[in-house]
Amino acid sequence: MNVKAGDTVRFLNISGGGRVVRVEGKLAFVEDEDGFEVPVLVNEVVVIKDQSPKAEAPKADAGKSEERDEDYAFIEDDGDDANPQFYIAFLSGDKPGQESGNLRIQAINDSNYFISYVISNLRKDGNLDLFYQGVIEPNTKLALDKLTVMQLDDRQWQVNLVFFKKGKTFANLSPVSSVVKIKAARFMKDNAFAENAYYHEKAVLLPVIKGEFERKLEQLTDKDIKKAVQEKESKPKKKYARRDEPGILEIDLHIDELIDTTAGLSKSEIINIQLDKFKQVMTENQKNKGRKVVFIHGVGAGTLKTEVRKLLDRHYRQHTYQDASFQEYGYGATMVII
């Protein structure tokens, strides 16, 4: 298919579409209506508006993420509907690339569901003050507000989410009720704003739907953490005969490397904790092109390896993967090349 810069395209295998910014070999870099640049294989897009280089398609206003082009049709992601993602995003400046005392606050719906959201300030007496409420479309970013850092200091946001689809049967997901803690100090740090999979610019992303791994971390007290560190240091570390190759990031997904104890956890809960760690590392390294990440999952019954590769096939198609070195890891690791 002849895809060129300026064309308006729709994705075939994942949701969304937008304007082609550039084409590099077999990859087209597509800018969606919110300014997020998505790399996708040329043979996985369909041109819905042929645009000559002299007349580029107009960019959508980033503050109007709910408005859609008439040619745009929503296509669902082929991924797992059982694990929707929702984030509160903080971006510096009034506009992309502009420094100011304000923060742009946006909601990110990374799921195939419409989400009805209510975001309130949680007062010390337990009552709520409504901040934002509405419905955000599937796989969409929505501008909520612009506030100074100090206006956000020491706040706790109560976020309530309800999931639904229109015109079709959908899974009965439980509503989410989560508290997001915000402190001004975190936005003052040099490394607070980080590269991410949703924006061209750096941002602070606070997850509203927390995975098992994040929930377990939040439940740990300082005493628990200190005890876990002491016990971990006293245990003999696993040894892997890995050569000292620059650029390789090694992530051990064995459960005893992630949490202190598995007491009371089912097999499915343990797998979810391991997969949450996998997704966390993939998100953190989305922009590190050429980076090699070795995920050590072990052999066992092969369940974790199978689930990791399912996620790679469904959600991380732009990356390649292979069995890691047999000499170094046996059959117990997968190497992902970002």
C-alpha atoms as a PDB file:
ATOM      1  CA  MET A   1       0.000   0.000   0.000  1.00  0.00           C
ATOM      2  CA  ASN A   2       1.332   3.440  -0.936  1.00  0.00           C
ATOM      3  CA  VAL A   3       1.252   5.390   2.322  1.00  0.00           C
ATOM      4  CA  LYS A   4       2.877   8.816   2.449  1.00  0.00           C
ATOM      5  CA  ALA A   5       3.229  11.785   4.786  1.00  0.00           C
ATOM      6  CA  GLY A   6       0.015  13.781   4.991  1.00  0.00           C
ATOM      7  CA  ASP A   7      -2.335  10.836   4.385  1.00  0.00           C
ATOM      8  CA  THR A   8      -5.158  10.272   6.844  1.00  0.00           C
ATOM      9  CA  VAL A   9      -5.200   6.612   7.859  1.00  0.00           C
ATOM     10  CA  ARG A  10      -7.045   4.199  10.094  1.00  0.00           C
ATOM     11  CA  PHE A  11      -5.351   1.331  11.946  1.00  0.00           C
ATOM     12  CA  LEU A  12      -6.398  -2.208  11.029  1.00  0.00           C
ATOM     13  CA  ASN A  13      -5.313  -4.199  14.084  1.00  0.00           C
ATOM     14  CA  ILE A  14      -5.481  -1.631  16.873  1.00  0.00           C
ATOM     15  CA  SER A  15      -7.891   1.181  17.619  1.00  0.00           C
ATOM     16  CA  GLY A  16      -7.448   4.684  16.264  1.00  0.00           C
ATOM     17  CA  GLY A  17      -6.023   6.494  13.310  1.00  0.00           C
ATOM     18  CA  GLY A  18      -4.763   9.922  12.285  1.00  0.00           C
ATOM     19  CA  ARG A  19      -2.383  11.778   9.967  1.00  0.00           C
ATOM     20  CA  VAL A  20       0.873  10.243   8.744  1.00  0.00           C
ATOM     21  CA  VAL A  21       3.790  12.422   9.863  1.00  0.00           C
ATOM     22  CA  ARG A  22       6.537  10.445   8.127  1.00  0.00           C
ATOM     23  CA  VAL A  23       7.316   7.024   6.708  1.00  0.00           C
ATOM     24  CA  GLU A  24      10.544   5.197   7.533  1.00  0.00           C
ATOM     25  CA  GLY A  25      10.917   1.922   5.632  1.00  0.00           C
ATOM     26  CA  LYS A  26       8.040  -0.336   6.650  1.00  0.00           C
ATOM     27  CA  LEU A  27       6.965   1.925   9.529  1.00  0.00           C
ATOM     28  CA  ALA A  28       4.503   4.814   9.309  1.00  0.00           C
ATOM     29  CA  PHE A  29       4.467   7.323  12.165  1.00  0.00           C
ATOM     30  CA  VAL A  30       0.869   8.422  12.659  1.00  0.00           C
ATOM     31  CA  GLU A  31      -0.132  11.471  14.703  1.00  0.00           C
ATOM     32  CA  ASP A  32      -3.547  11.058  16.298  1.00  0.00           C
ATOM     33  CA  GLU A  33      -5.917  13.919  17.076  1.00  0.00           C
ATOM     34  CA  ASP A  34      -4.327  14.425  20.511  1.00  0.00           C
ATOM     35  CA  GLY A  35      -0.797  14.780  19.155  1.00  0.00           C
ATOM     36  CA  PHE A  36       0.377  11.286  20.144  1.00  0.00           C
ATOM     37  CA  GLU A  37       2.709   9.789  17.503  1.00  0.00           C
ATOM     38  CA  VAL A  38       2.030   6.080  16.932  1.00  0.00           C
ATOM     39  CA  PRO A  39       4.507   3.879  15.003  1.00  0.00           C
ATOM     40  CA  VAL A  40       2.686   1.222  12.982  1.00  0.00           C
ATOM     41  CA  LEU A  41       3.536  -1.106  10.088  1.00  0.00           C
ATOM     42  CA  VAL A  42       2.512   0.288   6.694  1.00  0.00           C
ATOM     43  CA  ASN A  43       0.585  -2.886   5.890  1.00  0.00           C
ATOM     44  CA  GLU A  44      -1.473  -2.449   9.070  1.00  0.00           C
ATOM     45  CA  VAL A  45      -3.111   0.850   8.065  1.00  0.00           C
ATOM     46  CA  VAL A  46      -5.723   1.800   5.491  1.00  0.00           C
ATOM     47  CA  VAL A  47      -5.705   5.215   3.784  1.00  0.00           C
ATOM     48  CA  ILE A  48      -9.068   6.929   4.180  1.00  0.00           C
ATOM     49  CA  LYS A  49      -8.017  10.307   2.769  1.00  0.00           C
ATOM     50  CA  ASP A  50      -5.212  10.710   0.228  1.00  0.00           C
ATOM     51  CA  GLN A  51      -3.508  13.987   1.098  1.00  0.00           C
ATOM     52  CA  SER A  52      -0.986  15.702  -1.162  1.00  0.00           C
ATOM     53  CA  PRO A  53       2.147  17.081   0.536  1.00  0.00           C
ATOM     54  CA  LYS A  54       1.104  20.654  -0.281  1.00  0.00           C
ATOM     55  CA  ALA A  55      -2.184  20.408   1.580  1.00  0.00           C
ATOM     56  CA  GLU A  56      -1.618  18.754   4.912  1.00  0.00           C
ATOM     57  CA  ALA A  57      -4.572  17.644   6.965  1.00  0.00           C
ATOM     58  CA  PRO A  58      -5.282  20.147   9.756  1.00  0.00           C
ATOM     59  CA  LYS A  59      -4.257  19.151  13.243  1.00  0.00           C
ATOM     60  CA  ALA A  60      -6.999  18.742  15.801  1.00  0.00           C
ATOM     61  CA  ASP A  61      -7.079  21.020  18.830  1.00  0.00           C
ATOM     62  CA  ALA A  62      -5.482  19.043  21.672  1.00  0.00           C
ATOM     63  CA  GLY A  63      -8.057  20.492  24.042  1.00  0.00           C
ATOM     64  CA  LYS A  64     -10.943  18.960  22.084  1.00  0.00           C
ATOM     65  CA  SER A  65     -10.126  15.300  22.242  1.00  0.00           C
ATOM     66  CA  GLU A  66     -13.792  14.291  22.187  1.00  0.00           C
ATOM     67  CA  GLU A  67     -14.304  15.729  18.647  1.00  0.00           C
ATOM     68  CA  ARG A  68     -13.694  13.277  15.813  1.00  0.00           C
ATOM     69  CA  ASP A  69     -13.183  13.629  12.059  1.00  0.00           C
ATOM     70  CA  GLU A  70     -16.196  12.516  10.017  1.00  0.00           C
ATOM     71  CA  ASP A  71     -14.037   9.902   8.275  1.00  0.00           C
ATOM     72  CA  TYR A  72     -12.926   8.420  11.595  1.00  0.00           C
ATOM     73  CA  ALA A  73     -14.518   5.156  12.726  1.00  0.00           C
ATOM     74  CA  PHE A  74     -13.648   3.641  16.087  1.00  0.00           C
ATOM     75  CA  ILE A  75     -11.974   0.235  15.842  1.00  0.00           C
ATOM     76  CA  GLU A  76     -11.530  -1.801  18.979  1.00  0.00           C
ATOM     77  CA  ASP A  77      -8.124  -2.935  20.160  1.00  0.00           C
ATOM     78  CA  ASP A  78      -7.667  -6.691  19.899  1.00  0.00           C
ATOM     79  CA  GLY A  79      -6.277  -6.732  23.422  1.00  0.00           C
ATOM     80  CA  ASP A  80      -7.675  -8.032  26.688  1.00  0.00           C
ATOM     81  CA  ASP A  81     -10.919  -6.271  27.656  1.00  0.00           C
ATOM     82  CA  ALA A  82     -10.516  -7.575  31.217  1.00  0.00           C
ATOM     83  CA  ASN A  83      -7.628  -5.178  31.936  1.00  0.00           C
ATOM     84  CA  PRO A  84      -8.621  -1.584  31.075  1.00  0.00           C
ATOM     85  CA  GLN A  85      -6.190   1.213  31.966  1.00  0.00           C
ATOM     86  CA  PHE A  86      -7.048   4.734  33.142  1.00  0.00           C
ATOM     87  CA  TYR A  87      -4.530   7.431  34.090  1.00  0.00           C
ATOM     88  CA  ILE A  88      -4.526  11.016  35.334  1.00  0.00           C
ATOM     89  CA  ALA A  89      -1.776  12.770  33.363  1.00  0.00           C
ATOM     90  CA  PHE A  90       0.082  15.962  34.295  1.00  0.00           C
ATOM     91  CA  LEU A  91       1.990  17.889  31.596  1.00  0.00           C
ATOM     92  CA  SER A  92       4.062  21.015  32.204  1.00  0.00           C
ATOM     93  CA  GLY A  93       3.212  24.336  30.526  1.00  0.00           C
ATOM     94  CA  ASP A  94       0.049  25.830  29.050  1.00  0.00           C
ATOM     95  CA  LYS A  95       0.811  24.191  25.700  1.00  0.00           C
ATOM     96  CA  PRO A  96       3.222  21.480  24.491  1.00  0.00           C
ATOM     97  CA  GLY A  97       6.788  22.766  24.675  1.00  0.00           C
ATOM     98  CA  GLN A  98       5.801  25.921  26.554  1.00  0.00           C
ATOM     99  CA  GLU A  99       7.173  26.527  30.044  1.00  0.00           C
ATOM    100  CA  SER A 100       4.869  28.152  32.592  1.00  0.00           C
ATOM    101  CA  GLY A 101       3.692  27.781  36.150  1.00  0.00           C
ATOM    102  CA  ASN A 102       0.682  25.771  35.056  1.00  0.00           C
ATOM    103  CA  LEU A 103       0.152  22.059  34.695  1.00  0.00           C
ATOM    104  CA  ARG A 104      -2.180  20.632  32.060  1.00  0.00           C
ATOM    105  CA  ILE A 105      -4.284  17.856  33.548  1.00  0.00           C
ATOM    106  CA  GLN A 106      -5.725  15.149  31.302  1.00  0.00           C
ATOM    107  CA  ALA A 107      -7.504  11.820  31.636  1.00  0.00           C
ATOM    108  CA  ILE A 108      -6.310   8.835  29.573  1.00  0.00           C
ATOM    109  CA  ASN A 109      -8.753   6.042  28.759  1.00  0.00           C
ATOM    110  CA  ASP A 110      -6.605   3.178  27.442  1.00  0.00           C
ATOM    111  CA  SER A 111      -9.415   0.649  26.962  1.00  0.00           C
ATOM    112  CA  ASN A 112     -12.187  -0.450  24.593  1.00  0.00           C
ATOM    113  CA  TYR A 113     -14.848   0.866  26.987  1.00  0.00           C
ATOM    114  CA  PHE A 114     -16.643   4.141  27.343  1.00  0.00           C
ATOM    115  CA  ILE A 115     -15.865   5.259  30.898  1.00  0.00           C
ATOM    116  CA  SER A 116     -18.137   7.370  33.047  1.00  0.00           C
ATOM    117  CA  TYR A 117     -15.841   9.206  35.462  1.00  0.00           C
ATOM    118  CA  VAL A 118     -16.359  11.270  38.607  1.00  0.00           C
ATOM    119  CA  ILE A 119     -13.269  12.937  40.086  1.00  0.00           C
ATOM    120  CA  SER A 120     -13.687  14.620  43.464  1.00  0.00           C
ATOM    121  CA  ASN A 121     -11.513  16.127  46.185  1.00  0.00           C
ATOM    122  CA  LEU A 122     -11.461  13.852  49.237  1.00  0.00           C
ATOM    123  CA  ARG A 123     -11.698  16.079  52.315  1.00  0.00           C
ATOM    124  CA  LYS A 124     -10.205  15.232  55.686  1.00  0.00           C
ATOM    125  CA  ASP A 125     -13.699  14.721  57.106  1.00  0.00           C
ATOM    126  CA  GLY A 126     -14.372  12.057  54.469  1.00  0.00           C
ATOM    127  CA  ASN A 127     -16.772  14.168  52.392  1.00  0.00           C
ATOM    128  CA  LEU A 128     -16.240  15.015  48.726  1.00  0.00           C
ATOM    129  CA  ASP A 129     -16.093  18.156  46.567  1.00  0.00           C
ATOM    130  CA  LEU A 130     -16.833  17.434  42.901  1.00  0.00           C
ATOM    131  CA  PHE A 131     -14.073  18.481  40.475  1.00  0.00           C
ATOM    132  CA  TYR A 132     -14.734  16.792  37.127  1.00  0.00           C
ATOM    133  CA  GLN A 133     -17.351  14.429  35.754  1.00  0.00           C
ATOM    134  CA  GLY A 134     -18.388  13.129  32.345  1.00  0.00           C
ATOM    135  CA  VAL A 135     -17.877  10.303  29.857  1.00  0.00           C
ATOM    136  CA  ILE A 136     -14.636   9.640  27.966  1.00  0.00           C
ATOM    137  CA  GLU A 137     -14.641   7.600  24.764  1.00  0.00           C
ATOM    138  CA  PRO A 138     -12.584   4.423  24.269  1.00  0.00           C
ATOM    139  CA  ASN A 139      -8.832   4.851  23.668  1.00  0.00           C
ATOM    140  CA  THR A 140      -9.022   8.613  24.124  1.00  0.00           C
ATOM    141  CA  LYS A 141      -7.245  11.403  26.000  1.00  0.00           C
ATOM    142  CA  LEU A 142      -9.353  14.230  27.445  1.00  0.00           C
ATOM    143  CA  ALA A 143      -8.230  17.635  28.765  1.00  0.00           C
ATOM    144  CA  LEU A 144      -9.609  18.289  32.257  1.00  0.00           C
ATOM    145  CA  ASP A 145      -8.018  21.457  33.640  1.00  0.00           C
ATOM    146  CA  LYS A 146      -5.009  23.769  34.011  1.00  0.00           C
ATOM    147  CA  LEU A 147      -3.764  24.389  37.552  1.00  0.00           C
ATOM    148  CA  THR A 148      -0.610  25.666  39.214  1.00  0.00           C
ATOM    149  CA  VAL A 149       1.561  23.215  41.112  1.00  0.00           C
ATOM    150  CA  MET A 150       0.644  24.783  44.444  1.00  0.00           C
ATOM    151  CA  GLN A 151      -3.071  24.416  43.726  1.00  0.00           C
ATOM    152  CA  LEU A 152      -2.476  20.667  43.630  1.00  0.00           C
ATOM    153  CA  ASP A 153      -0.482  20.411  46.850  1.00  0.00           C
ATOM    154  CA  ASP A 154      -1.453  17.733  49.360  1.00  0.00           C
ATOM    155  CA  ARG A 155      -4.648  16.725  47.578  1.00  0.00           C
ATOM    156  CA  GLN A 156      -6.336  13.372  47.495  1.00  0.00           C
ATOM    157  CA  TRP A 157      -8.568  12.766  44.491  1.00  0.00           C
ATOM    158  CA  GLN A 158     -11.351  10.226  44.779  1.00  0.00           C
ATOM    159  CA  VAL A 159     -11.809   8.755  41.284  1.00  0.00           C
ATOM    160  CA  ASN A 160     -14.859   6.614  40.469  1.00  0.00           C
ATOM    161  CA  LEU A 161     -15.132   4.837  37.106  1.00  0.00           C
ATOM    162  CA  VAL A 162     -17.933   2.855  35.439  1.00  0.00           C
ATOM    163  CA  PHE A 163     -17.280   0.874  32.213  1.00  0.00           C
ATOM    164  CA  PHE A 164     -19.735   0.294  29.366  1.00  0.00           C
ATOM    165  CA  LYS A 165     -20.028  -0.172  25.604  1.00  0.00           C
ATOM    166  CA  LYS A 166     -22.656   1.132  23.217  1.00  0.00           C
ATOM    167  CA  GLY A 167     -24.686  -1.031  20.874  1.00  0.00           C
ATOM    168  CA  LYS A 168     -23.122  -4.348  21.890  1.00  0.00           C
ATOM    169  CA  THR A 169     -22.839  -6.810  24.746  1.00  0.00           C
ATOM    170  CA  PHE A 170     -19.864  -6.224  27.038  1.00  0.00           C
ATOM    171  CA  ALA A 171     -18.168  -7.825  30.018  1.00  0.00           C
ATOM    172  CA  ASN A 172     -19.553  -6.932  33.437  1.00  0.00           C
ATOM    173  CA  LEU A 173     -16.528  -5.142  34.905  1.00  0.00           C
ATOM    174  CA  SER A 174     -16.722  -4.006  38.505  1.00  0.00           C
ATOM    175  CA  PRO A 175     -16.750  -0.219  38.984  1.00  0.00           C
ATOM    176  CA  VAL A 176     -13.453   1.230  40.176  1.00  0.00           C
ATOM    177  CA  SER A 177     -13.125   3.485  43.210  1.00  0.00           C
ATOM    178  CA  SER A 178      -9.570   4.674  43.776  1.00  0.00           C
ATOM    179  CA  VAL A 179      -7.775   7.438  45.675  1.00  0.00           C
ATOM    180  CA  VAL A 180      -4.992   9.294  43.841  1.00  0.00           C
ATOM    181  CA  LYS A 181      -2.627  11.158  46.165  1.00  0.00           C
ATOM    182  CA  ILE A 182      -1.039  14.345  44.807  1.00  0.00           C
ATOM    183  CA  LYS A 183       1.812  16.328  46.361  1.00  0.00           C
ATOM    184  CA  ALA A 184       3.399  19.432  44.843  1.00  0.00           C
ATOM    185  CA  ALA A 185       6.908  18.241  45.777  1.00  0.00           C
ATOM    186  CA  ARG A 186       6.838  15.427  43.209  1.00  0.00           C
ATOM    187  CA  PHE A 187       6.461  17.947  40.357  1.00  0.00           C
ATOM    188  CA  MET A 188       9.522  19.904  41.539  1.00  0.00           C
ATOM    189  CA  LYS A 189      11.968  17.035  41.005  1.00  0.00           C
ATOM    190  CA  ASP A 190      14.184  17.071  37.904  1.00  0.00           C
ATOM    191  CA  ASN A 191      13.121  13.576  36.874  1.00  0.00           C
ATOM    192  CA  ALA A 192       9.418  13.925  37.743  1.00  0.00           C
ATOM    193  CA  PHE A 193       8.266  14.206  34.125  1.00  0.00           C
ATOM    194  CA  ALA A 194       9.221  11.120  32.122  1.00  0.00           C
ATOM    195  CA  GLU A 195       9.006   9.737  28.593  1.00  0.00           C
ATOM    196  CA  ASN A 196       5.839   7.732  28.099  1.00  0.00           C
ATOM    197  CA  ALA A 197       3.727   5.878  25.556  1.00  0.00           C
ATOM    198  CA  TYR A 198       0.927   8.472  25.358  1.00  0.00           C
ATOM    199  CA  TYR A 199       2.546  11.860  24.581  1.00  0.00           C
ATOM    200  CA  HIS A 200       5.366  13.372  22.528  1.00  0.00           C
ATOM    201  CA  GLU A 201       6.404  15.285  25.648  1.00  0.00           C
ATOM    202  CA  LYS A 202       7.336  14.115  29.120  1.00  0.00           C
ATOM    203  CA  ALA A 203       4.538  13.694  31.642  1.00  0.00           C
ATOM    204  CA  VAL A 204       3.628  12.424  35.095  1.00  0.00           C
ATOM    205  CA  LEU A 205       1.140   9.541  34.817  1.00  0.00           C
ATOM    206  CA  LEU A 206      -0.785   8.440  37.898  1.00  0.00           C
ATOM    207  CA  PRO A 207      -2.615   5.109  37.448  1.00  0.00           C
ATOM    208  CA  VAL A 208      -6.201   5.014  38.689  1.00  0.00           C
ATOM    209  CA  ILE A 209      -6.714   1.303  37.985  1.00  0.00           C
ATOM    210  CA  LYS A 210      -3.908  -0.272  39.967  1.00  0.00           C
ATOM    211  CA  GLY A 211      -2.604  -3.768  39.270  1.00  0.00           C
ATOM    212  CA  GLU A 212      -1.830  -6.359  41.919  1.00  0.00           C
ATOM    213  CA  PHE A 213       1.838  -5.316  41.996  1.00  0.00           C
ATOM    214  CA  GLU A 214       1.032  -1.638  42.651  1.00  0.00           C
ATOM    215  CA  ARG A 215      -1.613  -2.463  45.258  1.00  0.00           C
ATOM    216  CA  LYS A 216       0.790  -4.700  47.180  1.00  0.00           C
ATOM    217  CA  LEU A 217       3.408  -1.936  47.160  1.00  0.00           C
ATOM    218  CA  GLU A 218       0.918   0.599  48.520  1.00  0.00           C
ATOM    219  CA  GLN A 219      -0.007  -1.734  51.369  1.00  0.00           C
ATOM    220  CA  LEU A 220       3.590  -2.030  52.560  1.00  0.00           C
ATOM    221  CA  THR A 221       4.536   0.114  55.547  1.00  0.00           C
ATOM    222  CA  ASP A 222       8.062   1.494  56.082  1.00  0.00           C
ATOM    223  CA  LYS A 223       8.601  -1.319  58.597  1.00  0.00           C
ATOM    224  CA  ASP A 224       7.521  -3.930  56.038  1.00  0.00           C
ATOM    225  CA  ILE A 225       9.870  -2.487  53.418  1.00  0.00           C
ATOM    226  CA  LYS A 226      12.826  -2.427  55.830  1.00  0.00           C
ATOM    227  CA  LYS A 227      12.145  -6.035  56.847  1.00  0.00           C
ATOM    228  CA  ALA A 228      11.829  -7.142  53.218  1.00  0.00           C
ATOM    229  CA  VAL A 229      15.136  -5.484  52.313  1.00  0.00           C
ATOM    230  CA  GLN A 230      16.914  -7.172  55.232  1.00  0.00           C
ATOM    231  CA  GLU A 231      15.497 -10.590  54.341  1.00  0.00           C
ATOM    232  CA  LYS A 232      16.316 -10.118  50.668  1.00  0.00           C
ATOM    233  CA  GLU A 233      19.918  -9.196  51.452  1.00  0.00           C
ATOM    234  CA  SER A 234      20.294 -12.331  53.596  1.00  0.00           C
ATOM    235  CA  LYS A 235      19.099 -14.630  50.787  1.00  0.00           C
ATOM    236  CA  PRO A 236      21.613 -15.995  48.277  1.00  0.00           C
ATOM    237  CA  LYS A 237      21.003 -14.288  44.938  1.00  0.00           C
ATOM    238  CA  LYS A 238      20.196 -16.297  41.836  1.00  0.00           C
ATOM    239  CA  LYS A 239      23.121 -16.472  39.477  1.00  0.00           C
ATOM    240  CA  TYR A 240      22.691 -16.255  35.721  1.00  0.00           C
ATOM    241  CA  ALA A 241      25.702 -16.720  33.451  1.00  0.00           C
ATOM    242  CA  ARG A 242      24.987 -13.564  31.464  1.00  0.00           C
ATOM    243  CA  ARG A 243      27.757 -11.935  29.519  1.00  0.00           C
ATOM    244  CA  ASP A 244      28.445  -8.290  30.320  1.00  0.00           C
ATOM    245  CA  GLU A 245      26.774  -6.819  27.247  1.00  0.00           C
ATOM    246  CA  PRO A 246      25.991  -3.067  27.348  1.00  0.00           C
ATOM    247  CA  GLY A 247      22.382  -2.141  26.669  1.00  0.00           C
ATOM    248  CA  ILE A 248      20.793  -5.275  28.133  1.00  0.00           C
ATOM    249  CA  LEU A 249      18.255  -4.744  30.900  1.00  0.00           C
ATOM    250  CA  GLU A 250      17.620  -7.918  32.901  1.00  0.00           C
ATOM    251  CA  ILE A 251      14.257  -8.250  34.702  1.00  0.00           C
ATOM    252  CA  ASP A 252      13.617 -11.242  36.950  1.00  0.00           C
ATOM    253  CA  LEU A 253       9.897 -12.054  37.027  1.00  0.00           C
ATOM    254  CA  HIS A 254      10.168 -14.804  39.647  1.00  0.00           C
ATOM    255  CA  ILE A 255       7.567 -13.923  42.253  1.00  0.00           C
ATOM    256  CA  ASP A 256      10.008 -14.016  45.182  1.00  0.00           C
ATOM    257  CA  GLU A 257      11.960 -11.260  43.437  1.00  0.00           C
ATOM    258  CA  LEU A 258       8.869  -9.035  43.293  1.00  0.00           C
ATOM    259  CA  ILE A 259       7.130  -9.424  46.655  1.00  0.00           C
ATOM    260  CA  ASP A 260       8.164 -10.583  50.098  1.00  0.00           C
ATOM    261  CA  THR A 261       5.604 -13.354  50.548  1.00  0.00           C
ATOM    262  CA  THR A 262       2.959 -15.146  48.499  1.00  0.00           C
ATOM    263  CA  ALA A 263       0.917 -16.161  51.544  1.00  0.00           C
ATOM    264  CA  GLY A 264      -2.797 -15.970  50.775  1.00  0.00           C
ATOM    265  CA  LEU A 265      -2.306 -15.376  47.049  1.00  0.00           C
ATOM    266  CA  SER A 266      -3.882 -17.597  44.398  1.00  0.00           C
ATOM    267  CA  LYS A 267      -1.994 -18.726  41.295  1.00  0.00           C
ATOM    268  CA  SER A 268      -3.888 -16.194  39.169  1.00  0.00           C
ATOM    269  CA  GLU A 269      -3.040 -13.366  41.579  1.00  0.00           C
ATOM    270  CA  ILE A 270       0.639 -14.311  41.436  1.00  0.00           C
ATOM    271  CA  ILE A 271       0.567 -14.337  37.617  1.00  0.00           C
ATOM    272  CA  ASN A 272      -1.125 -10.899  37.619  1.00  0.00           C
ATOM    273  CA  ILE A 273       1.614  -9.457  39.833  1.00  0.00           C
ATOM    274  CA  GLN A 274       4.279 -10.807  37.476  1.00  0.00           C
ATOM    275  CA  LEU A 275       2.482  -9.490  34.382  1.00  0.00           C
ATOM    276  CA  ASP A 276       1.981  -6.069  36.003  1.00  0.00           C
ATOM    277  CA  LYS A 277       5.754  -5.895  36.482  1.00  0.00           C
ATOM    278  CA  PHE A 278       6.291  -6.889  32.840  1.00  0.00           C
ATOM    279  CA  LYS A 279       3.902  -4.150  31.619  1.00  0.00           C
ATOM    280  CA  GLN A 280       5.510  -1.581  33.930  1.00  0.00           C
ATOM    281  CA  VAL A 281       8.975  -2.275  32.478  1.00  0.00           C
ATOM    282  CA  MET A 282       7.671  -2.197  28.891  1.00  0.00           C
ATOM    283  CA  THR A 283       6.003   1.170  29.497  1.00  0.00           C
ATOM    284  CA  GLU A 284       9.164   2.609  31.037  1.00  0.00           C
ATOM    285  CA  ASN A 285      11.238   1.525  28.017  1.00  0.00           C
ATOM    286  CA  GLN A 286       8.841   2.300  25.147  1.00  0.00           C
ATOM    287  CA  LYS A 287      11.049   5.126  23.862  1.00  0.00           C
ATOM    288  CA  ASN A 288      14.409   3.361  24.299  1.00  0.00           C
ATOM    289  CA  LYS A 289      14.774   2.242  20.688  1.00  0.00           C
ATOM    290  CA  GLY A 290      17.177  -0.653  20.285  1.00  0.00           C
ATOM    291  CA  ARG A 291      17.170  -1.488  23.999  1.00  0.00           C
ATOM    292  CA  LYS A 292      17.295  -5.213  24.780  1.00  0.00           C
ATOM    293  CA  VAL A 293      15.213  -6.314  27.750  1.00  0.00           C
ATOM    294  CA  VAL A 294      15.547  -9.880  29.025  1.00  0.00           C
ATOM    295  CA  PHE A 295      12.551 -11.064  31.054  1.00  0.00           C
ATOM    296  CA  ILE A 296      13.452 -14.084  33.182  1.00  0.00           C
ATOM    297  CA  HIS A 297      10.249 -16.093  33.632  1.00  0.00           C
ATOM    298  CA  GLY A 298      11.669 -19.537  34.330  1.00  0.00           C
ATOM    299  CA  VAL A 299      10.465 -22.790  32.822  1.00  0.00           C
ATOM    300  CA  GLY A 300       7.983 -24.338  35.275  1.00  0.00           C
ATOM    301  CA  ALA A 301       4.659 -25.159  33.634  1.00  0.00           C
ATOM    302  CA  GLY A 302       5.265 -22.457  31.023  1.00  0.00           C
ATOM    303  CA  THR A 303       2.234 -20.389  32.065  1.00  0.00           C
ATOM    304  CA  LEU A 304       4.095 -17.135  32.695  1.00  0.00           C
ATOM    305  CA  LYS A 305       6.085 -17.445  29.455  1.00  0.00           C
ATOM    306  CA  THR A 306       2.848 -18.020  27.521  1.00  0.00           C
ATOM    307  CA  GLU A 307       1.118 -15.008  29.098  1.00  0.00           C
ATOM    308  CA  VAL A 308       4.141 -12.738  28.490  1.00  0.00           C
ATOM    309  CA  ARG A 309       4.205 -13.677  24.821  1.00  0.00           C
ATOM    310  CA  LYS A 310       0.448 -13.188  24.490  1.00  0.00           C
ATOM    311  CA  LEU A 311       0.908  -9.622  25.745  1.00  0.00           C
ATOM    312  CA  LEU A 312       3.782  -9.061  23.310  1.00  0.00           C
ATOM    313  CA  ASP A 313       1.654 -10.296  20.391  1.00  0.00           C
ATOM    314  CA  ARG A 314      -1.392  -8.252  21.370  1.00  0.00           C
ATOM    315  CA  HIS A 315      -0.092  -5.001  22.823  1.00  0.00           C
ATOM    316  CA  TYR A 316       3.562  -4.630  21.815  1.00  0.00           C
ATOM    317  CA  ARG A 317       3.588  -5.604  18.145  1.00  0.00           C
ATOM    318  CA  GLN A 318       6.001  -2.823  17.242  1.00  0.00           C
ATOM    319  CA  HIS A 319       8.730  -4.623  19.209  1.00  0.00           C
ATOM    320  CA  THR A 320      10.417  -7.920  18.327  1.00  0.00           C
ATOM    321  CA  TYR A 321      11.135 -10.762  20.712  1.00  0.00           C
ATOM    322  CA  GLN A 322      12.942 -14.091  20.785  1.00  0.00           C
ATOM    323  CA  ASP A 323      14.201 -16.741  23.178  1.00  0.00           C
ATOM    324  CA  ALA A 324      17.058 -15.305  25.208  1.00  0.00           C
ATOM    325  CA  SER A 325      20.456 -17.005  25.074  1.00  0.00           C
ATOM    326  CA  PHE A 326      20.070 -20.691  25.953  1.00  0.00           C
ATOM    327  CA  GLN A 327      23.639 -20.769  27.294  1.00  0.00           C
ATOM    328  CA  GLU A 328      22.838 -17.962  29.742  1.00  0.00           C
ATOM    329  CA  TYR A 329      19.186 -18.618  30.673  1.00  0.00           C
ATOM    330  CA  GLY A 330      18.265 -22.071  29.397  1.00  0.00           C
ATOM    331  CA  TYR A 331      14.638 -22.048  28.251  1.00  0.00           C
ATOM    332  CA  GLY A 332      13.625 -19.641  30.987  1.00  0.00           C
ATOM    333  CA  ALA A 333      13.859 -16.159  29.449  1.00  0.00           C
ATOM    334  CA  THR A 334      12.528 -14.023  26.602  1.00  0.00           C
ATOM    335  CA  MET A 335      14.492 -11.154  25.045  1.00  0.00           C
ATOM    336  CA  VAL A 336      12.487  -8.140  23.809  1.00  0.00           C
ATOM    337  CA  ILE A 337      14.133  -5.676  21.432  1.00  0.00           C
ATOM    338  CA  ILE A 338      12.484  -2.267  21.738  1.00  0.00           C
END
